[in-house]
Amino acid sequence: ARGSNRRFRLLAAAIAAGFTRIGIGQSFLH
């Protein structure tokens, strides 16, 4: 998840997909 725009899009998609445990790193999402 490199870049703030991409990280935002992935985070929004993760929440919409039902993930309820998310870790945010500088270049990745857990």
All heavy atoms as atom14 arrays in JSON, in Angstrom:
{
  "sequence": "ARGSNRRFRLLAAAIAAGFTRIGIGQSFLH",
  "atom14_mask": [
    [1, 1, 1, 1, 1, 0, 0, 0, 0, 0, 0, 0, 0, 0],
    [1, 1, 1, 1, 1, 1, 1, 1, 1, 1, 1, 0, 0, 0],
    [1, 1, 1, 1, 0, 0, 0, 0, 0, 0, 0, 0, 0, 0],
    [1, 1, 1, 1, 1, 1, 0, 0, 0, 0, 0, 0, 0, 0],
    [1, 1, 1, 1, 1, 1, 1, 1, 0, 0, 0, 0, 0, 0],
    [1, 1, 1, 1, 1, 1, 1, 1, 1, 1, 1, 0, 0, 0],
    [1, 1, 1, 1, 1, 1, 1, 1, 1, 1, 1, 0, 0, 0],
    [1, 1, 1, 1, 1, 1, 1, 1, 1, 1, 1, 0, 0, 0],
    [1, 1, 1, 1, 1, 1, 1, 1, 1, 1, 1, 0, 0, 0],
    [1, 1, 1, 1, 1, 1, 1, 1, 0, 0, 0, 0, 0, 0],
    [1, 1, 1, 1, 1, 1, 1, 1, 0, 0, 0, 0, 0, 0],
    [1, 1, 1, 1, 1, 0, 0, 0, 0, 0, 0, 0, 0, 0],
    [1, 1, 1, 1, 1, 0, 0, 0, 0, 0, 0, 0, 0, 0],
    [1, 1, 1, 1, 1, 0, 0, 0, 0, 0, 0, 0, 0, 0],
    [1, 1, 1, 1, 1, 1, 1, 1, 0, 0, 0, 0, 0, 0],
    [1, 1, 1, 1, 1, 0, 0, 0, 0, 0, 0, 0, 0, 0],
    [1, 1, 1, 1, 1, 0, 0, 0, 0, 0, 0, 0, 0, 0],
    [1, 1, 1, 1, 0, 0, 0, 0, 0, 0, 0, 0, 0, 0],
    [1, 1, 1, 1, 1, 1, 1, 1, 1, 1, 1, 0, 0, 0],
    [1, 1, 1, 1, 1, 1, 1, 0, 0, 0, 0, 0, 0, 0],
    [1, 1, 1, 1, 1, 1, 1, 1, 1, 1, 1, 0, 0, 0],
    [1, 1, 1, 1, 1, 1, 1, 1, 0, 0, 0, 0, 0, 0],
    [1, 1, 1, 1, 0, 0, 0, 0, 0, 0, 0, 0, 0, 0],
    [1, 1, 1, 1, 1, 1, 1, 1, 0, 0, 0, 0, 0, 0],
    [1, 1, 1, 1, 0, 0, 0, 0, 0, 0, 0, 0, 0, 0],
    [1, 1, 1, 1, 1, 1, 1, 1, 1, 0, 0, 0, 0, 0],
    [1, 1, 1, 1, 1, 1, 0, 0, 0, 0, 0, 0, 0, 0],
    [1, 1, 1, 1, 1, 1, 1, 1, 1, 1, 1, 0, 0, 0],
    [1, 1, 1, 1, 1, 1, 1, 1, 0, 0, 0, 0, 0, 0],
    [1, 1, 1, 1, 1, 1, 1, 1, 1, 1, 0, 0, 0, 0]
  ],
  "atom14_positions": [
    [[0.86, -1.19, 0.0], [0.0, 0.0, 0.0], [0.89, 1.23, 0.0], [1.0, 1.94, 0.99], [-0.93, -0.01, 1.21], [0.0, 0.0, 0.0], [0.0, 0.0, 0.0], [0.0, 0.0, 0.0], [0.0, 0.0, 0.0], [0.0, 0.0, 0.0], [0.0, 0.0, 0.0], [0.0, 0.0, 0.0], [0.0, 0.0, 0.0], [0.0, 0.0, 0.0]],
    [[1.54, 1.48, -1.12], [2.45, 2.61, -1.23], [1.7, 3.84, -1.7], [0.94, 3.79, -2.65], [3.58, 2.29, -2.19], [4.44, 1.16, -1.69], [5.73, 1.07, -2.48], [6.52, -0.05, -2.03], [7.39, -0.01, -1.03], [7.58, 1.1, -0.38], [8.07, -1.08, -0.69], [0.0, 0.0, 0.0], [0.0, 0.0, 0.0], [0.0, 0.0, 0.0]],
    [[1.91, 4.94, -1.01], [1.27, 6.2, -1.38], [-0.03, 6.4, -0.64], [-0.8, 5.46, -0.44], [0.0, 0.0, 0.0], [0.0, 0.0, 0.0], [0.0, 0.0, 0.0], [0.0, 0.0, 0.0], [0.0, 0.0, 0.0], [0.0, 0.0, 0.0], [0.0, 0.0, 0.0], [0.0, 0.0, 0.0], [0.0, 0.0, 0.0], [0.0, 0.0, 0.0]],
    [[-0.28, 7.61, -0.23], [-1.46, 7.89, 0.61], [-2.77, 7.65, -0.13], [-3.73, 7.15, 0.45], [-1.4, 9.31, 1.17], [-1.39, 10.25, 0.13], [0.0, 0.0, 0.0], [0.0, 0.0, 0.0], [0.0, 0.0, 0.0], [0.0, 0.0, 0.0], [0.0, 0.0, 0.0], [0.0, 0.0, 0.0], [0.0, 0.0, 0.0], [0.0, 0.0, 0.0]],
    [[-2.84, 7.97, -1.42], [-4.08, 7.77, -2.17], [-4.37, 6.28, -2.3], [-5.51, 5.84, -2.09], [-3.99, 8.44, -3.54], [-5.28, 8.31, -4.3], [-5.46, 7.37, -5.07], [-6.19, 9.24, -4.07], [0.0, 0.0, 0.0], [0.0, 0.0, 0.0], [0.0, 0.0, 0.0], [0.0, 0.0, 0.0], [0.0, 0.0, 0.0], [0.0, 0.0, 0.0]],
    [[-3.38, 5.49, -2.66], [-3.57, 4.05, -2.8], [-3.93, 3.42, -1.45], [-4.82, 2.58, -1.36], [-2.3, 3.4, -3.38], [-2.4, 1.9, -3.56], [-3.38, 1.52, -4.63], [-3.35, 0.08, -4.85], [-4.38, -0.62, -5.26], [-5.52, -0.01, -5.56], [-4.29, -1.92, -5.43], [0.0, 0.0, 0.0], [0.0, 0.0, 0.0], [0.0, 0.0, 0.0]],
    [[-3.24, 3.84, -0.4], [-3.52, 3.32, 0.93], [-4.97, 3.63, 1.33], [-5.67, 2.79, 1.88], [-2.53, 3.9, 1.95], [-2.51, 3.19, 3.26], [-1.3, 3.51, 4.13], [-0.75, 4.84, 4.03], [0.38, 5.15, 3.37], [1.09, 4.22, 2.78], [0.8, 6.39, 3.32], [0.0, 0.0, 0.0], [0.0, 0.0, 0.0], [0.0, 0.0, 0.0]],
    [[-5.45, 4.84, 1.02], [-6.83, 5.22, 1.32], [-7.81, 4.32, 0.57], [-8.77, 3.82, 1.15], [-7.08, 6.69, 0.96], [-8.5, 7.11, 1.21], [-8.89, 7.55, 2.46], [-9.45, 7.04, 0.19], [-10.21, 7.93, 2.7], [-10.76, 7.42, 0.43], [-11.14, 7.86, 1.68], [0.0, 0.0, 0.0], [0.0, 0.0, 0.0], [0.0, 0.0, 0.0]],
    [[-7.57, 4.12, -0.73], [-8.47, 3.28, -1.54], [-8.5, 1.84, -1.02], [-9.55, 1.22, -0.95], [-8.04, 3.3, -3.01], [-8.36, 4.62, -3.68], [-8.09, 4.56, -5.14], [-8.6, 3.31, -5.67], [-8.71, 3.03, -6.95], [-8.32, 3.9, -7.82], [-9.18, 1.88, -7.35], [0.0, 0.0, 0.0], [0.0, 0.0, 0.0], [0.0, 0.0, 0.0]],
    [[-7.33, 1.31, -0.66], [-7.28, -0.06, -0.14], [-7.96, -0.15, 1.22], [-8.67, -1.12, 1.51], [-5.84, -0.54, -0.04], [-5.17, -0.84, -1.39], [-3.67, -1.05, -1.21], [-5.81, -2.06, -2.05], [0.0, 0.0, 0.0], [0.0, 0.0, 0.0], [0.0, 0.0, 0.0], [0.0, 0.0, 0.0], [0.0, 0.0, 0.0], [0.0, 0.0, 0.0]],
    [[-7.77, 0.84, 2.06], [-8.4, 0.86, 3.38], [-9.92, 0.91, 3.24], [-10.65, 0.16, 3.9], [-7.89, 2.05, 4.19], [-8.39, 2.17, 5.63], [-8.07, 0.92, 6.44], [-7.77, 3.39, 6.28], [0.0, 0.0, 0.0], [0.0, 0.0, 0.0], [0.0, 0.0, 0.0], [0.0, 0.0, 0.0], [0.0, 0.0, 0.0], [0.0, 0.0, 0.0]],
    [[-10.43, 1.76, 2.36], [-11.87, 1.85, 2.12], [-12.41, 0.52, 1.6], [-13.46, 0.05, 2.05], [-12.18, 2.98, 1.14], [0.0, 0.0, 0.0], [0.0, 0.0, 0.0], [0.0, 0.0, 0.0], [0.0, 0.0, 0.0], [0.0, 0.0, 0.0], [0.0, 0.0, 0.0], [0.0, 0.0, 0.0], [0.0, 0.0, 0.0], [0.0, 0.0, 0.0]],
    [[-11.68, -0.11, 0.68], [-12.11, -1.4, 0.14], [-12.07, -2.49, 1.22], [-12.93, -3.37, 1.25], [-11.23, -1.79, -1.05], [0.0, 0.0, 0.0], [0.0, 0.0, 0.0], [0.0, 0.0, 0.0], [0.0, 0.0, 0.0], [0.0, 0.0, 0.0], [0.0, 0.0, 0.0], [0.0, 0.0, 0.0], [0.0, 0.0, 0.0], [0.0, 0.0, 0.0]],
    [[-11.08, -2.44, 2.1], [-10.96, -3.44, 3.18], [-12.16, -3.34, 4.13], [-12.75, -4.36, 4.51], [-9.66, -3.24, 3.95], [0.0, 0.0, 0.0], [0.0, 0.0, 0.0], [0.0, 0.0, 0.0], [0.0, 0.0, 0.0], [0.0, 0.0, 0.0], [0.0, 0.0, 0.0], [0.0, 0.0, 0.0], [0.0, 0.0, 0.0], [0.0, 0.0, 0.0]],
    [[-12.52, -2.13, 4.49], [-13.67, -1.94, 5.38], [-14.95, -2.39, 4.69], [-15.78, -3.09, 5.29], [-13.73, -0.48, 5.87], [-12.54, -0.21, 6.79], [-15.06, -0.2, 6.57], [-12.33, 1.26, 7.13], [0.0, 0.0, 0.0], [0.0, 0.0, 0.0], [0.0, 0.0, 0.0], [0.0, 0.0, 0.0], [0.0, 0.0, 0.0], [0.0, 0.0, 0.0]],
    [[-15.11, -2.03, 3.42], [-16.3, -2.44, 2.67], [-16.37, -3.96, 2.52], [-17.47, -4.53, 2.49], [-16.3, -1.77, 1.29], [0.0, 0.0, 0.0], [0.0, 0.0, 0.0], [0.0, 0.0, 0.0], [0.0, 0.0, 0.0], [0.0, 0.0, 0.0], [0.0, 0.0, 0.0], [0.0, 0.0, 0.0], [0.0, 0.0, 0.0], [0.0, 0.0, 0.0]],
    [[-15.22, -4.63, 2.46], [-15.18, -6.09, 2.31], [-15.42, -6.8, 3.64], [-15.49, -8.03, 3.68], [-13.83, -6.52, 1.72], [0.0, 0.0, 0.0], [0.0, 0.0, 0.0], [0.0, 0.0, 0.0], [0.0, 0.0, 0.0], [0.0, 0.0, 0.0], [0.0, 0.0, 0.0], [0.0, 0.0, 0.0], [0.0, 0.0, 0.0], [0.0, 0.0, 0.0]],
    [[-15.49, -6.05, 4.73], [-15.81, -6.64, 6.02], [-14.63, -6.93, 6.93], [-14.8, -7.57, 7.97], [0.0, 0.0, 0.0], [0.0, 0.0, 0.0], [0.0, 0.0, 0.0], [0.0, 0.0, 0.0], [0.0, 0.0, 0.0], [0.0, 0.0, 0.0], [0.0, 0.0, 0.0], [0.0, 0.0, 0.0], [0.0, 0.0, 0.0], [0.0, 0.0, 0.0]],
    [[-13.45, -6.45, 6.57], [-12.31, -6.63, 7.49], [-12.52, -5.74, 8.7], [-12.84, -4.56, 8.58], [-10.99, -6.26, 6.81], [-10.46, -7.34, 5.9], [-10.58, -7.22, 4.53], [-9.87, -8.48, 6.43], [-10.11, -8.22, 3.69], [-9.39, -9.48, 5.6], [-9.51, -9.35, 4.23], [0.0, 0.0, 0.0], [0.0, 0.0, 0.0], [0.0, 0.0, 0.0]],
    [[-12.35, -6.31, 9.9], [-12.54, -5.56, 11.14], [-11.27, -5.54, 11.99], [-11.29, -5.09, 13.13], [-13.69, -6.15, 11.97], [-13.4, -7.53, 12.26], [-15.01, -6.03, 11.24], [0.0, 0.0, 0.0], [0.0, 0.0, 0.0], [0.0, 0.0, 0.0], [0.0, 0.0, 0.0], [0.0, 0.0, 0.0], [0.0, 0.0, 0.0], [0.0, 0.0, 0.0]],
    [[-10.16, -6.03, 11.42], [-8.85, -5.98, 12.08], [-7.85, -5.52, 11.02], [-7.52, -6.28, 10.11], [-8.46, -7.36, 12.62], [-9.34, -7.82, 13.77], [-8.89, -9.15, 14.35], [-7.45, -9.25, 14.52], [-6.75, -8.72, 15.52], [-7.35, -8.03, 16.46], [-5.44, -8.88, 15.59], [0.0, 0.0, 0.0], [0.0, 0.0, 0.0], [0.0, 0.0, 0.0]],
    [[-7.39, -4.28, 11.14], [-6.54, -3.68, 10.11], [-5.36, -2.98, 10.77], [-5.53, -2.19, 11.69], [-7.35, -2.66, 9.27], [-8.55, -3.36, 8.6], [-6.45, -2.0, 8.23], [-9.52, -2.41, 7.94], [0.0, 0.0, 0.0], [0.0, 0.0, 0.0], [0.0, 0.0, 0.0], [0.0, 0.0, 0.0], [0.0, 0.0, 0.0], [0.0, 0.0, 0.0]],
    [[-4.17, -3.27, 10.26], [-2.97, -2.57, 10.69], [-2.46, -1.73, 9.54], [-2.48, -2.17, 8.39], [0.0, 0.0, 0.0], [0.0, 0.0, 0.0], [0.0, 0.0, 0.0], [0.0, 0.0, 0.0], [0.0, 0.0, 0.0], [0.0, 0.0, 0.0], [0.0, 0.0, 0.0], [0.0, 0.0, 0.0], [0.0, 0.0, 0.0], [0.0, 0.0, 0.0]],
    [[-2.02, -0.51, 9.83], [-1.55, 0.4, 8.78], [-0.07, 0.67, 8.98], [0.36, 1.15, 10.02], [-2.33, 1.73, 8.83], [-3.82, 1.47, 8.65], [-1.8, 2.69, 7.75], [-4.69, 2.69, 8.84], [0.0, 0.0, 0.0], [0.0, 0.0, 0.0], [0.0, 0.0, 0.0], [0.0, 0.0, 0.0], [0.0, 0.0, 0.0], [0.0, 0.0, 0.0]],
    [[0.7, 0.34, 7.95], [2.13, 0.62, 7.93], [2.44, 1.67, 6.88], [1.56, 2.08, 6.11], [0.0, 0.0, 0.0], [0.0, 0.0, 0.0], [0.0, 0.0, 0.0], [0.0, 0.0, 0.0], [0.0, 0.0, 0.0], [0.0, 0.0, 0.0], [0.0, 0.0, 0.0], [0.0, 0.0, 0.0], [0.0, 0.0, 0.0], [0.0, 0.0, 0.0]],
    [[3.67, 2.07, 6.82], [4.06, 3.1, 5.86], [3.9, 2.63, 4.41], [3.57, 3.41, 3.54], [5.51, 3.5, 6.12], [5.9, 4.78, 5.45], [7.19, 5.34, 6.01], [7.84, 4.73, 6.84], [7.55, 6.5, 5.55], [0.0, 0.0, 0.0], [0.0, 0.0, 0.0], [0.0, 0.0, 0.0], [0.0, 0.0, 0.0], [0.0, 0.0, 0.0]],
    [[4.12, 1.34, 4.17], [4.03, 0.84, 2.8], [3.15, -0.41, 2.68], [3.18, -1.08, 1.66], [5.43, 0.52, 2.28], [6.02, -0.5, 3.08], [0.0, 0.0, 0.0], [0.0, 0.0, 0.0], [0.0, 0.0, 0.0], [0.0, 0.0, 0.0], [0.0, 0.0, 0.0], [0.0, 0.0, 0.0], [0.0, 0.0, 0.0], [0.0, 0.0, 0.0]],
    [[2.37, -0.72, 3.71], [1.54, -1.93, 3.66], [0.32, -1.8, 4.56], [0.25, -0.93, 5.43], [2.35, -3.16, 4.09], [2.68, -3.19, 5.56], [1.89, -3.91, 6.45], [3.77, -2.49, 6.07], [2.19, -3.93, 7.81], [4.08, -2.51, 7.42], [3.27, -3.23, 8.3], [0.0, 0.0, 0.0], [0.0, 0.0, 0.0], [0.0, 0.0, 0.0]],
    [[-0.64, -2.67, 4.33], [-1.78, -2.86, 5.23], [-1.76, -4.3, 5.7], [-1.52, -5.21, 4.9], [-3.11, -2.61, 4.53], [-3.45, -1.2, 4.09], [-4.81, -1.17, 3.4], [-3.45, -0.24, 5.28], [0.0, 0.0, 0.0], [0.0, 0.0, 0.0], [0.0, 0.0, 0.0], [0.0, 0.0, 0.0], [0.0, 0.0, 0.0], [0.0, 0.0, 0.0]],
    [[-2.0, -4.52, 6.98], [-2.19, -5.85, 7.54], [-3.7, -6.05, 7.62], [-4.42, -5.19, 8.16], [-1.57, -5.95, 8.94], [-1.99, -7.16, 9.69], [-1.26, -8.32, 9.7], [-3.1, -7.41, 10.44], [-1.89, -9.23, 10.44], [-3.01, -8.69, 10.9], [0.0, 0.0, 0.0], [0.0, 0.0, 0.0], [0.0, 0.0, 0.0], [0.0, 0.0, 0.0]]
  ]
}
